[in-house]
Protein backbone atom coordinates (compact mmCIF):
# COMPACT_ATOMS: atom_id res chain seq x y z
CA MET A 1 0.00 0.00 0.00
CA THR A 2 1.26 3.50 -0.77
CA GLU A 3 0.11 6.94 0.27
CA GLU A 4 1.29 10.51 -0.11
CA ASN A 5 1.67 12.75 2.91
CA ASP A 6 3.34 16.20 3.10
CA GLY A 7 5.41 15.68 -0.05
CA ALA A 8 6.56 12.21 0.99
CA VAL A 9 5.51 8.79 -0.25
CA ILE A 10 4.88 6.17 2.38
CA VAL A 11 5.09 2.50 1.40
CA ARG A 12 3.57 0.03 3.88
CA LEU A 13 3.85 -3.74 4.00
CA ALA A 14 2.00 -6.17 6.21
CA GLY A 15 4.29 -9.18 6.19
CA TRP A 16 7.68 -10.05 4.75
CA ARG A 17 7.04 -12.80 2.24
CA ALA A 18 10.71 -13.35 1.37
CA VAL A 19 11.37 -14.92 4.79
CA ARG A 20 7.95 -16.36 5.54
CA ASP A 21 9.17 -19.97 5.67
CA LEU A 22 12.64 -19.33 7.11
CA ALA A 23 13.66 -19.91 10.72
CA LEU A 24 15.76 -16.82 11.38
CA ALA A 25 17.89 -16.59 14.52
CA ASP A 26 17.19 -12.85 14.79
CA PRO A 27 14.39 -11.74 12.43
CA LEU A 28 14.73 -8.02 13.24
CA LEU A 29 18.47 -8.07 12.56
CA ALA A 30 17.86 -9.98 9.32
CA PHE A 31 15.36 -7.32 8.27
CA ASP A 32 17.81 -4.54 9.09
CA ALA A 33 20.45 -6.17 6.86
CA TRP A 34 17.93 -6.62 4.01
CA ASN A 35 16.76 -3.04 4.45
CA GLU A 36 20.30 -1.73 3.97
CA LEU A 37 20.06 -2.99 0.38
CA TRP A 38 17.01 -0.76 -0.16
CA LEU A 39 18.77 2.20 1.42
CA GLY A 40 21.69 1.68 -0.96
CA ALA A 41 19.36 1.35 -3.95
CA ALA A 42 17.59 4.58 -3.02
CA ALA A 43 20.93 6.39 -2.61
CA ALA A 44 22.13 5.08 -5.97
CA HIS A 45 18.90 6.21 -7.61
CA ASP A 46 18.87 9.70 -6.09
CA ARG A 47 21.37 10.74 -3.43
CA PHE A 48 19.05 13.55 -2.36
CA LEU A 49 16.28 11.19 -1.22
CA SER A 50 15.60 10.60 2.43
CA LEU A 51 14.46 7.07 3.24
CA GLN A 52 13.25 6.34 6.76
CA THR A 53 12.25 2.86 7.82
CA SER A 54 10.02 1.66 10.61
CA ARG A 55 9.47 -2.02 11.30
CA SER A 56 8.06 -4.21 14.01
CA LEU A 57 7.47 -7.91 14.45
CA GLY A 58 4.67 -8.89 16.77
CA ASP A 59 2.14 -11.64 17.33
CA LYS A 60 0.31 -10.63 14.14
CA GLY A 61 3.50 -10.64 12.04
CA TRP A 62 5.47 -7.89 10.38
CA SER A 63 4.50 -4.26 10.05
CA ILE A 64 6.89 -2.36 7.78
CA ALA A 65 6.84 1.20 6.43
CA TRP A 66 9.25 3.29 4.40
CA ARG A 67 8.92 7.06 4.17
CA ILE A 68 10.55 8.39 1.01
CA ALA A 69 10.97 12.16 0.65
CA PRO A 70 13.33 14.74 -0.78
CA ARG A 71 15.92 16.02 1.69
């Protein structure tokens, strides 16, 4: 799901399908490592973009959001 808010685009995910069937020792740390790839891709695309990530893993699964905006 995406939305626009104050000149920023917010991308939200409910779940992380890529690791759905994996037994990860530290799922939050694994997400942080995977997320660094997206941060690098955003920087390579436009070094003036700001990309902020929020993520949580609870009883109902993953809740992930990226806020993409110009600096």
